[in-house]
């Protein structure tokens, strides 16, 4: 895991992108977010910025992100990612085997 964030003009590598997005966060509430709000929630690295999360989503899943909301919880930092494609969250959740 790379501890440094790449320079602004460098593209994020797949290894760095995987270190940013730790794992999907699935609860009953997040299932409702997938269906109703087109959002998917991930546990992310504590030092991740919204810009870094957006780039990691693009590198790993080739998906266009419209909005990102972050919050810090007991479980770590969470990022709710909203997709531009109307079925983006559902499609990615199916690909990841969450639904």
Protein backbone atom coordinates (compact mmCIF):
# COMPACT_ATOMS: atom_id res chain seq x y z
CA UNK A 1 0.00 0.00 0.00
CA UNK A 2 1.40 3.33 -1.03
CA UNK A 3 1.33 5.89 1.78
CA UNK A 4 1.87 8.88 -0.49
CA UNK A 5 -0.79 10.37 -2.67
CA UNK A 6 0.37 10.64 -6.29
CA UNK A 7 1.15 14.04 -7.78
CA UNK A 8 -1.71 15.95 -9.39
CA UNK A 9 -0.55 15.26 -12.94
CA UNK A 10 -0.03 11.53 -12.30
CA UNK A 11 -2.84 9.09 -12.86
CA UNK A 12 -3.75 6.82 -9.96
CA UNK A 13 -2.40 3.27 -10.34
CA UNK A 14 -4.65 0.26 -9.81
CA UNK A 15 -2.73 -0.64 -6.64
CA UNK A 16 -3.20 2.86 -5.21
CA UNK A 17 -6.88 2.87 -6.21
CA UNK A 18 -7.41 -0.41 -4.34
CA UNK A 19 -5.78 1.07 -1.25
CA UNK A 20 -8.20 4.04 -1.39
CA UNK A 21 -11.40 1.95 -1.65
CA UNK A 22 -11.10 -0.68 1.08
CA UNK A 23 -14.44 -2.49 0.75
CA UNK A 24 -18.13 -1.93 0.02
CA UNK A 25 -20.26 -1.20 3.09
CA UNK A 26 -23.54 -3.11 2.99
CA UNK A 27 -26.45 -2.67 5.38
CA UNK A 28 -30.21 -2.51 4.92
CA UNK A 29 -29.93 1.28 4.66
CA UNK A 30 -27.26 1.09 1.95
CA UNK A 31 -29.40 -1.37 -0.03
CA UNK A 32 -32.15 1.25 -0.03
CA UNK A 33 -29.61 3.85 -1.18
CA UNK A 34 -28.66 1.61 -4.12
CA UNK A 35 -32.29 1.26 -5.19
CA UNK A 36 -33.68 4.74 -4.49
CA UNK A 37 -30.76 7.18 -4.66
CA UNK A 38 -28.37 5.43 -7.11
CA UNK A 39 -25.61 5.50 -4.45
CA UNK A 40 -23.13 2.88 -3.30
CA UNK A 41 -21.24 3.14 0.01
CA UNK A 42 -17.59 2.18 0.49
CA UNK A 43 -15.25 2.10 3.47
CA UNK A 44 -12.28 4.19 2.34
CA UNK A 45 -8.80 5.01 3.63
CA UNK A 46 -8.84 7.68 6.35
CA UNK A 47 -6.68 10.14 4.40
CA UNK A 48 -8.68 9.82 1.16
CA UNK A 49 -10.11 12.97 -0.37
CA UNK A 50 -13.23 13.17 -2.50
CA UNK A 51 -11.09 13.82 -5.55
CA UNK A 52 -8.99 10.73 -4.83
CA UNK A 53 -12.12 8.59 -4.28
CA UNK A 54 -13.58 9.82 -7.59
CA UNK A 55 -10.37 8.92 -9.43
CA UNK A 56 -10.18 5.48 -7.75
CA UNK A 57 -13.77 4.73 -8.84
CA UNK A 58 -12.87 5.70 -12.39
CA UNK A 59 -9.69 3.57 -12.44
CA UNK A 60 -11.13 0.43 -10.79
CA UNK A 61 -14.70 0.33 -12.06
CA UNK A 62 -14.65 2.69 -15.07
CA UNK A 63 -17.72 4.49 -13.73
CA UNK A 64 -18.64 8.17 -13.88
CA UNK A 65 -19.29 9.66 -10.43
CA UNK A 66 -21.56 12.67 -9.95
CA UNK A 67 -21.36 13.25 -6.19
CA UNK A 68 -19.48 11.93 -3.16
CA UNK A 69 -20.50 12.34 0.47
CA UNK A 70 -17.97 11.31 3.13
CA UNK A 71 -18.40 10.70 6.85
CA UNK A 72 -16.24 9.40 9.67
CA UNK A 73 -17.69 6.62 11.80
CA UNK A 74 -16.53 4.02 14.29
CA UNK A 75 -15.99 1.63 11.39
CA UNK A 76 -13.78 4.15 9.58
CA UNK A 77 -14.31 6.71 6.87
CA UNK A 78 -17.30 6.01 4.59
CA UNK A 79 -17.96 7.43 1.15
CA UNK A 80 -21.43 7.42 -0.45
CA UNK A 81 -20.84 7.58 -4.20
CA UNK A 82 -23.61 8.71 -6.58
CA UNK A 83 -23.36 7.60 -10.21
CA UNK A 84 -24.23 9.51 -13.39
CA UNK A 85 -25.72 6.42 -15.04
CA UNK A 86 -29.29 5.89 -13.71
CA UNK A 87 -28.55 2.22 -12.95
CA UNK A 88 -24.86 2.66 -12.11
CA UNK A 89 -25.07 1.70 -8.44
CA UNK A 90 -27.23 -1.35 -9.12
CA UNK A 91 -24.97 -2.52 -11.98
CA UNK A 92 -21.78 -2.13 -9.93
CA UNK A 93 -23.36 -3.82 -6.90
CA UNK A 94 -24.36 -6.75 -9.13
CA UNK A 95 -20.85 -6.92 -10.60
CA UNK A 96 -19.33 -6.95 -7.11
CA UNK A 97 -21.76 -9.69 -6.02
CA UNK A 98 -23.53 -7.55 -3.42
CA UNK A 99 -27.05 -7.88 -4.82
